[in-house]
C-alpha cells in the first residue's frame, strides 16, 4: 500500500518544494550547468567553440540576473575574459576591476542604461573575427542596456516607455515598438560585435521562451520594422502623444541589415525548468503531481 504524505508535514513539504523550485531558478547554477572550459575550447550546451591563440573573450551581461551569471562565468573561464560590461538594477562591488559595472533602470531605461550601452559599443569596436562575445541575458535587460537611434533623447524614450506600459498593449507589441527605436535590440548587440562570434546564454522571463522577446532579442538577428511600430502607436492612440524625435525616427525607412556572424543563442533557464523541479520534489515526497500549465499569463488580480 502506498504511504501518502502526512497532512501535518505539509508545511515542511511546501518548504522543500519551494527550495527546489528556487534552486532551479538560480542563475549562477544555470550558467555552471551549461558553460564549460575544456582543452578543445568553450563548451556551451551541445556546442564547442575553439579559440585561436590570442583570441579574446568579451563579456556583456545585462538584466536582473547579470551579477550572478557573471560570477559563474568568471569562475569557469577565469582569465580568459579580457574585458566586459555588466548592467544590473543594483550596485555590484565584488567583480574584477577589468569589468565595467553600471547600475541601470527598470522597467524604464535611465542614464545608467545608456552609459552601459555606449560602453558595450566602445568595448566591441576592437573585436576581431577571432574574438568571442559572451552575452549573458536575463529579464529586465531590455531596459538596462540601451542605445537609442540617433536624435532620440533619454527623456523622450522614457516618456514613450511609460505610455506603452500604461497602455495595456500586449508585451509583444510593446517590444515591437522598443526594438524599432534601438541599436541594441533585435540583434543589434550581435551586429555591434561583428565580425566576432557571439555566444549568448539566456534566462527567459517570457511565456513561451521566444528568444526575440527576451530582453527584446539583442542577439537574435531580425529586422525591426519601423512601419509596424508606427502602426501600433497609431492604432493604440499613442502616436499623437509621442515625442517628435520618435515620430521622425519611425517615419524614416528601415535601414539595410548590417552583416553579423550568426549568433549561438542558448536558453539556459525558464519557467518550465522551475515547474519541473517543483513537481519532481513533490513526487519524491509522495504527492501525485500534475502540471496544469507553464504558460499562465495575465494581470495578477485576474489570474
C-alpha atoms as a PDB file:
ATOM      1  CA  UNK A   1       0.000   0.000   0.000  1.00  0.00           C
ATOM      2  CA  UNK A   2       1.338   3.426  -0.984  1.00  0.00           C
ATOM      3  CA  UNK A   3       2.035   5.646   2.018  1.00  0.00           C
ATOM      4  CA  UNK A   4       0.590   9.098   1.436  1.00  0.00           C
ATOM      5  CA  UNK A   5       2.245  12.267   2.812  1.00  0.00           C
ATOM      6  CA  UNK A   6       1.030  13.162   6.285  1.00  0.00           C
ATOM      7  CA  UNK A   7      -1.070  16.285   6.484  1.00  0.00           C
ATOM      8  CA  UNK A   8       0.819  17.652   9.498  1.00  0.00           C
ATOM      9  CA  UNK A   9       4.038  17.624   7.427  1.00  0.00           C
ATOM     10  CA  UNK A  10       2.634  19.796   4.659  1.00  0.00           C
ATOM     11  CA  UNK A  11       4.366  22.981   5.799  1.00  0.00           C
ATOM     12  CA  UNK A  12       7.729  21.225   5.664  1.00  0.00           C
ATOM     13  CA  UNK A  13       6.821  19.698   2.304  1.00  0.00           C
ATOM     14  CA  UNK A  14       5.914  23.087   0.843  1.00  0.00           C
ATOM     15  CA  UNK A  15       9.222  24.495   2.050  1.00  0.00           C
ATOM     16  CA  UNK A  16      11.149  21.651   0.400  1.00  0.00           C
ATOM     17  CA  UNK A  17       9.226  22.061  -2.855  1.00  0.00           C
ATOM     18  CA  UNK A  18       9.796  25.825  -2.821  1.00  0.00           C
ATOM     19  CA  UNK A  19      13.530  25.383  -2.196  1.00  0.00           C
ATOM     20  CA  UNK A  20      13.850  23.051  -5.174  1.00  0.00           C
ATOM     21  CA  UNK A  21      11.960  25.498  -7.372  1.00  0.00           C
ATOM     22  CA  UNK A  22      14.226  28.356  -6.282  1.00  0.00           C
ATOM     23  CA  UNK A  23      17.328  26.239  -6.884  1.00  0.00           C
ATOM     24  CA  UNK A  24      16.133  25.525 -10.423  1.00  0.00           C
ATOM     25  CA  UNK A  25      15.739  29.274 -10.982  1.00  0.00           C
ATOM     26  CA  UNK A  26      19.235  30.085  -9.693  1.00  0.00           C
ATOM     27  CA  UNK A  27      21.121  31.987 -12.396  1.00  0.00           C
ATOM     28  CA  UNK A  28      24.577  31.057 -11.105  1.00  0.00           C
ATOM     29  CA  UNK A  29      23.699  27.372 -11.166  1.00  0.00           C
ATOM     30  CA  UNK A  30      22.179  27.597 -14.652  1.00  0.00           C
ATOM     31  CA  UNK A  31      25.390  29.060 -16.104  1.00  0.00           C
ATOM     32  CA  UNK A  32      27.536  26.469 -14.302  1.00  0.00           C
ATOM     33  CA  UNK A  33      25.423  23.702 -15.829  1.00  0.00           C
ATOM     34  CA  UNK A  34      25.656  24.990 -19.396  1.00  0.00           C
ATOM     35  CA  UNK A  35      29.106  26.600 -19.739  1.00  0.00           C
ATOM     36  CA  UNK A  36      32.394  24.683 -19.525  1.00  0.00           C
ATOM     37  CA  UNK A  37      36.038  25.171 -20.464  1.00  0.00           C
ATOM     38  CA  UNK A  38      37.891  22.216 -21.971  1.00  0.00           C
ATOM     39  CA  UNK A  39      41.092  21.557 -23.896  1.00  0.00           C
ATOM     40  CA  UNK A  40      39.056  21.937 -27.095  1.00  0.00           C
ATOM     41  CA  UNK A  41      37.645  25.342 -26.206  1.00  0.00           C
ATOM     42  CA  UNK A  42      34.438  26.658 -24.693  1.00  0.00           C
ATOM     43  CA  UNK A  43      31.612  24.162 -24.399  1.00  0.00           C
ATOM     44  CA  UNK A  44      28.088  25.541 -24.216  1.00  0.00           C
ATOM     45  CA  UNK A  45      25.190  23.153 -24.367  1.00  0.00           C
ATOM     46  CA  UNK A  46      25.954  20.786 -27.231  1.00  0.00           C
ATOM     47  CA  UNK A  47      28.333  23.225 -28.934  1.00  0.00           C
ATOM     48  CA  UNK A  48      32.104  23.631 -28.725  1.00  0.00           C
ATOM     49  CA  UNK A  49      33.803  26.877 -29.742  1.00  0.00           C
ATOM     50  CA  UNK A  50      37.515  26.545 -30.427  1.00  0.00           C
ATOM     51  CA  UNK A  51      39.596  29.625 -29.624  1.00  0.00           C
ATOM     52  CA  UNK A  52      42.702  30.536 -31.573  1.00  0.00           C
ATOM     53  CA  UNK A  53      45.825  31.640 -29.669  1.00  0.00           C
ATOM     54  CA  UNK A  54      45.436  35.321 -28.828  1.00  0.00           C
ATOM     55  CA  UNK A  55      41.655  35.288 -29.201  1.00  0.00           C
ATOM     56  CA  UNK A  56      39.865  37.494 -26.693  1.00  0.00           C
ATOM     57  CA  UNK A  57      36.610  36.917 -24.860  1.00  0.00           C
ATOM     58  CA  UNK A  58      34.477  39.991 -24.204  1.00  0.00           C
ATOM     59  CA  UNK A  59      31.606  39.757 -21.737  1.00  0.00           C
ATOM     60  CA  UNK A  60      28.419  41.819 -21.829  1.00  0.00           C
ATOM     61  CA  UNK A  61      25.863  40.940 -19.140  1.00  0.00           C
ATOM     62  CA  UNK A  62      22.598  42.749 -18.529  1.00  0.00           C
ATOM     63  CA  UNK A  63      19.356  42.127 -16.706  1.00  0.00           C
ATOM     64  CA  UNK A  64      18.296  41.244 -13.190  1.00  0.00           C
ATOM     65  CA  UNK A  65      20.473  38.117 -13.111  1.00  0.00           C
ATOM     66  CA  UNK A  66      23.568  39.754 -14.648  1.00  0.00           C
ATOM     67  CA  UNK A  67      25.719  39.711 -11.463  1.00  0.00           C
ATOM     68  CA  UNK A  68      25.085  36.028 -10.696  1.00  0.00           C
ATOM     69  CA  UNK A  69      25.593  34.982 -14.317  1.00  0.00           C
ATOM     70  CA  UNK A  70      28.812  36.996 -14.488  1.00  0.00           C
ATOM     71  CA  UNK A  71      30.235  35.465 -11.312  1.00  0.00           C
ATOM     72  CA  UNK A  72      29.581  31.957 -12.629  1.00  0.00           C
ATOM     73  CA  UNK A  73      31.194  32.773 -15.985  1.00  0.00           C
ATOM     74  CA  UNK A  74      34.299  34.158 -14.276  1.00  0.00           C
ATOM     75  CA  UNK A  75      34.591  31.016 -12.160  1.00  0.00           C
ATOM     76  CA  UNK A  76      34.503  28.894 -15.316  1.00  0.00           C
ATOM     77  CA  UNK A  77      36.524  30.982 -17.789  1.00  0.00           C
ATOM     78  CA  UNK A  78      38.730  32.829 -15.266  1.00  0.00           C
ATOM     79  CA  UNK A  79      41.383  34.958 -17.007  1.00  0.00           C
ATOM     80  CA  UNK A  80      40.011  34.114 -20.463  1.00  0.00           C
ATOM     81  CA  UNK A  81      37.670  37.116 -20.128  1.00  0.00           C
ATOM     82  CA  UNK A  82      39.704  40.210 -21.015  1.00  0.00           C
ATOM     83  CA  UNK A  83      37.079  42.920 -20.551  1.00  0.00           C
ATOM     84  CA  UNK A  84      33.392  43.360 -20.063  1.00  0.00           C
ATOM     85  CA  UNK A  85      30.338  45.472 -19.297  1.00  0.00           C
ATOM     86  CA  UNK A  86      27.756  44.489 -16.687  1.00  0.00           C
ATOM     87  CA  UNK A  87      24.465  46.351 -16.284  1.00  0.00           C
ATOM     88  CA  UNK A  88      22.158  45.488 -13.384  1.00  0.00           C
ATOM     89  CA  UNK A  89      19.447  47.164 -11.277  1.00  0.00           C
ATOM     90  CA  UNK A  90      21.717  47.497  -8.227  1.00  0.00           C
ATOM     91  CA  UNK A  91      25.352  48.234  -7.396  1.00  0.00           C
ATOM     92  CA  UNK A  92      27.891  45.442  -7.900  1.00  0.00           C
ATOM     93  CA  UNK A  93      31.118  45.634  -5.923  1.00  0.00           C
ATOM     94  CA  UNK A  94      32.682  42.172  -5.986  1.00  0.00           C
ATOM     95  CA  UNK A  95      33.712  41.757  -9.635  1.00  0.00           C
ATOM     96  CA  UNK A  96      37.208  42.118 -11.158  1.00  0.00           C
ATOM     97  CA  UNK A  97      38.209  45.736 -11.934  1.00  0.00           C
ATOM     98  CA  UNK A  98      38.569  44.875 -15.631  1.00  0.00           C
ATOM     99  CA  UNK A  99      34.776  44.632 -15.800  1.00  0.00           C
ATOM    100  CA  UNK A 100      32.840  47.889 -16.073  1.00  0.00           C
ATOM    101  CA  UNK A 101      29.706  47.831 -13.934  1.00  0.00           C
ATOM    102  CA  UNK A 102      26.642  50.035 -14.303  1.00  0.00           C
ATOM    103  CA  UNK A 103      23.515  50.494 -12.256  1.00  0.00           C
ATOM    104  CA  UNK A 104      20.638  50.830 -14.689  1.00  0.00           C
ATOM    105  CA  UNK A 105      16.917  51.475 -14.557  1.00  0.00           C
ATOM    106  CA  UNK A 106      13.997  49.075 -14.780  1.00  0.00           C
ATOM    107  CA  UNK A 107      11.330  48.983 -16.131  1.00  0.00           C
ATOM    108  CA  UNK A 108      12.291  52.340 -17.671  1.00  0.00           C
ATOM    109  CA  UNK A 109      15.771  52.938 -19.114  1.00  0.00           C
ATOM    110  CA  UNK A 110      17.820  55.648 -17.419  1.00  0.00           C
ATOM    111  CA  UNK A 111      21.196  57.348 -17.782  1.00  0.00           C
ATOM    112  CA  UNK A 112      22.884  54.187 -16.488  1.00  0.00           C
ATOM    113  CA  UNK A 113      21.203  52.142 -19.228  1.00  0.00           C
ATOM    114  CA  UNK A 114      22.543  54.451 -21.929  1.00  0.00           C
ATOM    115  CA  UNK A 115      26.004  54.617 -20.342  1.00  0.00           C
ATOM    116  CA  UNK A 116      26.144  50.816 -20.307  1.00  0.00           C
ATOM    117  CA  UNK A 117      25.033  50.687 -23.936  1.00  0.00           C
ATOM    118  CA  UNK A 118      27.709  53.157 -25.017  1.00  0.00           C
ATOM    119  CA  UNK A 119      30.327  51.246 -23.005  1.00  0.00           C
ATOM    120  CA  UNK A 120      29.357  47.991 -24.727  1.00  0.00           C
ATOM    121  CA  UNK A 121      29.564  49.665 -28.140  1.00  0.00           C
ATOM    122  CA  UNK A 122      33.020  51.055 -27.369  1.00  0.00           C
ATOM    123  CA  UNK A 123      34.186  47.728 -25.933  1.00  0.00           C
ATOM    124  CA  UNK A 124      33.236  45.816 -29.070  1.00  0.00           C
ATOM    125  CA  UNK A 125      34.774  48.257 -31.548  1.00  0.00           C
ATOM    126  CA  UNK A 126      38.097  46.415 -31.360  1.00  0.00           C
ATOM    127  CA  UNK A 127      36.629  42.896 -31.637  1.00  0.00           C
ATOM    128  CA  UNK A 128      38.072  40.770 -34.446  1.00  0.00           C
ATOM    129  CA  UNK A 129      36.887  37.650 -36.254  1.00  0.00           C
ATOM    130  CA  UNK A 130      38.945  35.505 -33.852  1.00  0.00           C
ATOM    131  CA  UNK A 131      37.302  37.001 -30.760  1.00  0.00           C
ATOM    132  CA  UNK A 132      34.149  35.989 -28.920  1.00  0.00           C
ATOM    133  CA  UNK A 133      31.375  37.984 -27.297  1.00  0.00           C
ATOM    134  CA  UNK A 134      29.816  36.143 -24.368  1.00  0.00           C
ATOM    135  CA  UNK A 135      26.418  37.766 -23.818  1.00  0.00           C
ATOM    136  CA  UNK A 136      24.600  36.965 -20.576  1.00  0.00           C
ATOM    137  CA  UNK A 137      20.962  37.952 -20.961  1.00  0.00           C
ATOM    138  CA  UNK A 138      18.144  37.913 -18.413  1.00  0.00           C
ATOM    139  CA  UNK A 139      14.816  39.550 -17.648  1.00  0.00           C
ATOM    140  CA  UNK A 140      14.841  43.331 -17.495  1.00  0.00           C
ATOM    141  CA  UNK A 141      17.724  43.505 -19.937  1.00  0.00           C
ATOM    142  CA  UNK A 142      15.623  45.436 -22.436  1.00  0.00           C
ATOM    143  CA  UNK A 143      15.685  48.487 -20.147  1.00  0.00           C
ATOM    144  CA  UNK A 144      19.171  48.047 -18.691  1.00  0.00           C
ATOM    145  CA  UNK A 145      21.259  48.163 -21.881  1.00  0.00           C
ATOM    146  CA  UNK A 146      20.186  50.713 -24.441  1.00  0.00           C
ATOM    147  CA  UNK A 147      21.413  52.658 -27.466  1.00  0.00           C
ATOM    148  CA  UNK A 148      18.525  54.606 -28.996  1.00  0.00           C
ATOM    149  CA  UNK A 149      18.518  55.664 -32.616  1.00  0.00           C
ATOM    150  CA  UNK A 150      20.314  58.966 -33.329  1.00  0.00           C
ATOM    151  CA  UNK A 151      18.269  62.003 -32.352  1.00  0.00           C
ATOM    152  CA  UNK A 152      16.220  60.271 -29.645  1.00  0.00           C
ATOM    153  CA  UNK A 153      16.856  61.658 -26.166  1.00  0.00           C
ATOM    154  CA  UNK A 154      16.532  59.684 -22.949  1.00  0.00           C
ATOM    155  CA  UNK A 155      13.538  61.710 -21.711  1.00  0.00           C
ATOM    156  CA  UNK A 156      11.704  61.028 -24.984  1.00  0.00           C
ATOM    157  CA  UNK A 157      12.402  57.309 -24.664  1.00  0.00           C
ATOM    158  CA  UNK A 158      11.285  57.202 -21.032  1.00  0.00           C
ATOM    159  CA  UNK A 159       8.036  59.014 -21.849  1.00  0.00           C
ATOM    160  CA  UNK A 160       7.268  56.575 -24.647  1.00  0.00           C
ATOM    161  CA  UNK A 161       8.008  53.580 -22.434  1.00  0.00           C
ATOM    162  CA  UNK A 162       5.711  54.981 -19.753  1.00  0.00           C
ATOM    163  CA  UNK A 163       2.929  55.413 -22.314  1.00  0.00           C
ATOM    164  CA  UNK A 164       3.452  51.878 -23.603  1.00  0.00           C
ATOM    165  CA  UNK A 165       3.433  50.315 -20.132  1.00  0.00           C
ATOM    166  CA  UNK A 166       0.254  52.183 -19.157  1.00  0.00           C
ATOM    167  CA  UNK A 167      -1.496  51.479 -22.462  1.00  0.00           C
ATOM    168  CA  UNK A 168      -2.439  47.874 -21.753  1.00  0.00           C
ATOM    169  CA  UNK A 169      -0.913  46.765 -25.051  1.00  0.00           C
ATOM    170  CA  UNK A 170       0.354  43.156 -25.192  1.00  0.00           C
ATOM    171  CA  UNK A 171       4.052  42.882 -24.389  1.00  0.00           C
ATOM    172  CA  UNK A 172       4.892  41.661 -27.895  1.00  0.00           C
ATOM    173  CA  UNK A 173       3.513  44.883 -29.390  1.00  0.00           C
ATOM    174  CA  UNK A 174       5.325  46.987 -26.787  1.00  0.00           C
ATOM    175  CA  UNK A 175       8.568  45.223 -27.646  1.00  0.00           C
ATOM    176  CA  UNK A 176       7.966  45.722 -31.369  1.00  0.00           C
ATOM    177  CA  UNK A 177       7.985  49.477 -30.764  1.00  0.00           C
ATOM    178  CA  UNK A 178      11.015  49.309 -28.468  1.00  0.00           C
ATOM    179  CA  UNK A 179      13.011  47.233 -30.950  1.00  0.00           C
ATOM    180  CA  UNK A 180      12.372  49.659 -33.794  1.00  0.00           C
ATOM    181  CA  UNK A 181      13.940  52.515 -31.791  1.00  0.00           C
ATOM    182  CA  UNK A 182      17.079  50.745 -30.582  1.00  0.00           C
ATOM    183  CA  UNK A 183      20.541  49.896 -31.883  1.00  0.00           C
ATOM    184  CA  UNK A 184      20.930  47.167 -29.221  1.00  0.00           C
ATOM    185  CA  UNK A 185      17.676  45.255 -29.575  1.00  0.00           C
ATOM    186  CA  UNK A 186      16.666  42.908 -32.412  1.00  0.00           C
ATOM    187  CA  UNK A 187      20.174  41.570 -32.946  1.00  0.00           C
ATOM    188  CA  UNK A 188      21.803  44.974 -32.556  1.00  0.00           C
ATOM    189  CA  UNK A 189      24.294  43.765 -29.956  1.00  0.00           C
ATOM    190  CA  UNK A 190      25.421  40.943 -32.250  1.00  0.00           C
ATOM    191  CA  UNK A 191      25.884  43.441 -35.071  1.00  0.00           C
ATOM    192  CA  UNK A 192      27.985  45.689 -32.830  1.00  0.00           C
ATOM    193  CA  UNK A 193      30.209  42.676 -32.098  1.00  0.00           C
ATOM    194  CA  UNK A 194      30.770  41.797 -35.775  1.00  0.00           C
ATOM    195  CA  UNK A 195      32.972  40.262 -37.053  1.00  0.00           C
ATOM    196  CA  UNK A 196      33.424  38.430 -33.720  1.00  0.00           C
ATOM    197  CA  UNK A 197      31.491  35.296 -32.873  1.00  0.00           C
ATOM    198  CA  UNK A 198      28.646  35.614 -30.385  1.00  0.00           C
ATOM    199  CA  UNK A 199      27.597  33.142 -27.692  1.00  0.00           C
ATOM    200  CA  UNK A 200      24.514  34.097 -25.672  1.00  0.00           C
ATOM    201  CA  UNK A 201      23.343  32.382 -22.509  1.00  0.00           C
ATOM    202  CA  UNK A 202      19.738  33.386 -21.943  1.00  0.00           C
ATOM    203  CA  UNK A 203      17.424  33.180 -18.936  1.00  0.00           C
ATOM    204  CA  UNK A 204      13.814  33.503 -20.028  1.00  0.00           C
ATOM    205  CA  UNK A 205      11.174  35.542 -18.229  1.00  0.00           C
ATOM    206  CA  UNK A 206       8.836  35.340 -21.226  1.00  0.00           C
ATOM    207  CA  UNK A 207       5.949  32.890 -21.573  1.00  0.00           C
ATOM    208  CA  UNK A 208       6.770  30.620 -24.492  1.00  0.00           C
ATOM    209  CA  UNK A 209      10.510  31.449 -24.383  1.00  0.00           C
ATOM    210  CA  UNK A 210      10.566  33.266 -27.724  1.00  0.00           C
ATOM    211  CA  UNK A 211      14.206  34.398 -27.903  1.00  0.00           C
ATOM    212  CA  UNK A 212      13.398  37.547 -29.859  1.00  0.00           C
ATOM    213  CA  UNK A 213      11.152  38.646 -26.962  1.00  0.00           C
ATOM    214  CA  UNK A 214      13.596  38.053 -24.088  1.00  0.00           C
ATOM    215  CA  UNK A 215      15.253  41.444 -23.402  1.00  0.00           C
ATOM    216  CA  UNK A 216      13.993  42.338 -26.913  1.00  0.00           C
ATOM    217  CA  UNK A 217      16.335  39.875 -28.619  1.00  0.00           C
ATOM    218  CA  UNK A 218      19.714  41.693 -28.623  1.00  0.00           C
ATOM    219  CA  UNK A 219      21.459  38.708 -30.222  1.00  0.00           C
ATOM    220  CA  UNK A 220      18.564  37.454 -32.360  1.00  0.00           C
ATOM    221  CA  UNK A 221      19.091  38.722 -35.892  1.00  0.00           C
ATOM    222  CA  UNK A 222      15.798  40.133 -37.111  1.00  0.00           C
ATOM    223  CA  UNK A 223      14.678  43.237 -38.942  1.00  0.00           C
ATOM    224  CA  UNK A 224      12.908  45.784 -36.752  1.00  0.00           C
ATOM    225  CA  UNK A 225      10.036  47.266 -38.759  1.00  0.00           C
ATOM    226  CA  UNK A 226       9.587  50.968 -38.174  1.00  0.00           C
ATOM    227  CA  UNK A 227       6.342  50.920 -40.154  1.00  0.00           C
ATOM    228  CA  UNK A 228       4.944  48.194 -37.891  1.00  0.00           C
ATOM    229  CA  UNK A 229       5.933  50.154 -34.787  1.00  0.00           C
ATOM    230  CA  UNK A 230       4.335  53.274 -36.239  1.00  0.00           C
ATOM    231  CA  UNK A 231       1.092  51.398 -36.950  1.00  0.00           C
ATOM    232  CA  UNK A 232       0.957  50.079 -33.371  1.00  0.00           C
ATOM    233  CA  UNK A 233       1.292  53.588 -31.959  1.00  0.00           C
ATOM    234  CA  UNK A 234      -1.326  54.968 -34.349  1.00  0.00           C
ATOM    235  CA  UNK A 235      -3.868  52.199 -33.733  1.00  0.00           C
ATOM    236  CA  UNK A 236      -3.463  52.484 -29.952  1.00  0.00           C
ATOM    237  CA  UNK A 237      -3.930  56.257 -29.999  1.00  0.00           C
ATOM    238  CA  UNK A 238      -0.397  56.912 -28.714  1.00  0.00           C
ATOM    239  CA  UNK A 239       1.041  58.411 -31.893  1.00  0.00           C
ATOM    240  CA  UNK A 240      -0.030  61.987 -31.144  1.00  0.00           C
ATOM    241  CA  UNK A 241       1.332  61.709 -27.583  1.00  0.00           C
ATOM    242  CA  UNK A 242       4.712  60.502 -28.828  1.00  0.00           C
ATOM    243  CA  UNK A 243       7.623  62.962 -28.989  1.00  0.00           C
ATOM    244  CA  UNK A 244       8.544  64.483 -32.344  1.00  0.00           C
ATOM    245  CA  UNK A 245      12.007  62.862 -32.297  1.00  0.00           C
ATOM    246  CA  UNK A 246      10.461  59.393 -32.091  1.00  0.00           C
ATOM    247  CA  UNK A 247       7.823  60.116 -34.737  1.00  0.00           C
ATOM    248  CA  UNK A 248      10.601  61.361 -37.001  1.00  0.00           C
ATOM    249  CA  UNK A 249      12.731  58.251 -36.398  1.00  0.00           C
ATOM    250  CA  UNK A 250       9.830  55.921 -37.152  1.00  0.00           C
ATOM    251  CA  UNK A 251       8.931  57.841 -40.309  1.00  0.00           C
ATOM    252  CA  UNK A 252      12.305  57.011 -41.858  1.00  0.00           C
ATOM    253  CA  UNK A 253      12.708  53.834 -43.972  1.00  0.00           C
ATOM    254  CA  UNK A 254      14.210  50.755 -42.360  1.00  0.00           C
ATOM    255  CA  UNK A 255      17.998  50.718 -42.840  1.00  0.00           C
ATOM    256  CA  UNK A 256      19.683  47.797 -44.608  1.00  0.00           C
ATOM    257  CA  UNK A 257      20.626  45.000 -42.233  1.00  0.00           C
ATOM    258  CA  UNK A 258      24.261  45.117 -41.187  1.00  0.00           C
ATOM    259  CA  UNK A 259      26.079  41.844 -41.533  1.00  0.00           C
ATOM    260  CA  UNK A 260      26.893  39.778 -38.467  1.00  0.00           C
ATOM    261  CA  UNK A 261      28.006  36.229 -37.847  1.00  0.00           C
ATOM    262  CA  UNK A 262      25.115  34.013 -36.836  1.00  0.00           C
ATOM    263  CA  UNK A 263      24.937  34.120 -33.031  1.00  0.00           C
ATOM    264  CA  UNK A 264      24.744  30.972 -30.926  1.00  0.00           C
ATOM    265  CA  UNK A 265      21.772  31.553 -28.603  1.00  0.00           C
ATOM    266  CA  UNK A 266      21.317  29.031 -25.785  1.00  0.00           C
ATOM    267  CA  UNK A 267      18.333  29.055 -23.431  1.00  0.00           C
ATOM    268  CA  UNK A 268      19.634  28.002 -20.002  1.00  0.00           C
ATOM    269  CA  UNK A 269      16.613  28.576 -17.792  1.00  0.00           C
ATOM    270  CA  UNK A 270      12.887  29.189 -17.952  1.00  0.00           C
ATOM    271  CA  UNK A 271       9.573  28.727 -16.184  1.00  0.00           C
ATOM    272  CA  UNK A 272       9.242  25.096 -17.294  1.00  0.00           C
ATOM    273  CA  UNK A 273      12.530  24.215 -15.610  1.00  0.00           C
ATOM    274  CA  UNK A 274      11.250  25.626 -12.313  1.00  0.00           C
ATOM    275  CA  UNK A 275       7.862  23.914 -12.554  1.00  0.00           C
ATOM    276  CA  UNK A 276       9.530  20.598 -13.401  1.00  0.00           C
ATOM    277  CA  UNK A 277      11.861  20.840 -10.386  1.00  0.00           C
ATOM    278  CA  UNK A 278       8.953  21.593  -8.055  1.00  0.00           C
ATOM    279  CA  UNK A 279       6.997  18.676  -9.482  1.00  0.00           C
ATOM    280  CA  UNK A 280       9.914  16.278  -9.077  1.00  0.00           C
ATOM    281  CA  UNK A 281      10.338  17.230  -5.430  1.00  0.00           C
ATOM    282  CA  UNK A 282       6.616  16.877  -4.754  1.00  0.00           C
ATOM    283  CA  UNK A 283       6.606  13.450  -6.405  1.00  0.00           C
ATOM    284  CA  UNK A 284       9.608  12.383  -4.313  1.00  0.00           C
ATOM    285  CA  UNK A 285       7.646  13.330  -1.201  1.00  0.00           C
ATOM    286  CA  UNK A 286       4.790  11.058  -2.230  1.00  0.00           C
ATOM    287  CA  UNK A 287       2.384  13.518  -3.816  1.00  0.00           C
ATOM    288  CA  UNK A 288       0.510  12.826  -7.022  1.00  0.00           C
ATOM    289  CA  UNK A 289       1.685  15.568  -9.392  1.00  0.00           C
ATOM    290  CA  UNK A 290       0.035  17.067 -12.457  1.00  0.00           C
ATOM    291  CA  UNK A 291       1.408  20.106 -14.279  1.00  0.00           C
ATOM    292  CA  UNK A 292      -1.628  22.118 -15.321  1.00  0.00           C
ATOM    293  CA  UNK A 293       0.251  24.746 -17.344  1.00  0.00           C
ATOM    294  CA  UNK A 294       3.551  26.568 -17.644  1.00  0.00           C
ATOM    295  CA  UNK A 295       2.043  29.322 -19.769  1.00  0.00           C
ATOM    296  CA  UNK A 296      -0.333  31.152 -17.450  1.00  0.00           C
ATOM    297  CA  UNK A 297      -0.244  34.898 -18.006  1.00  0.00           C
ATOM    298  CA  UNK A 298      -2.328  37.985 -17.397  1.00  0.00           C
ATOM    299  CA  UNK A 299      -2.988  40.560 -14.716  1.00  0.00           C
ATOM    300  CA  UNK A 300      -2.155  39.148 -11.269  1.00  0.00           C
ATOM    301  CA  UNK A 301      -5.526  40.226  -9.864  1.00  0.00           C
ATOM    302  CA  UNK A 302      -7.279  38.237 -12.590  1.00  0.00           C
ATOM    303  CA  UNK A 303      -5.282  35.007 -12.876  1.00  0.00           C
END
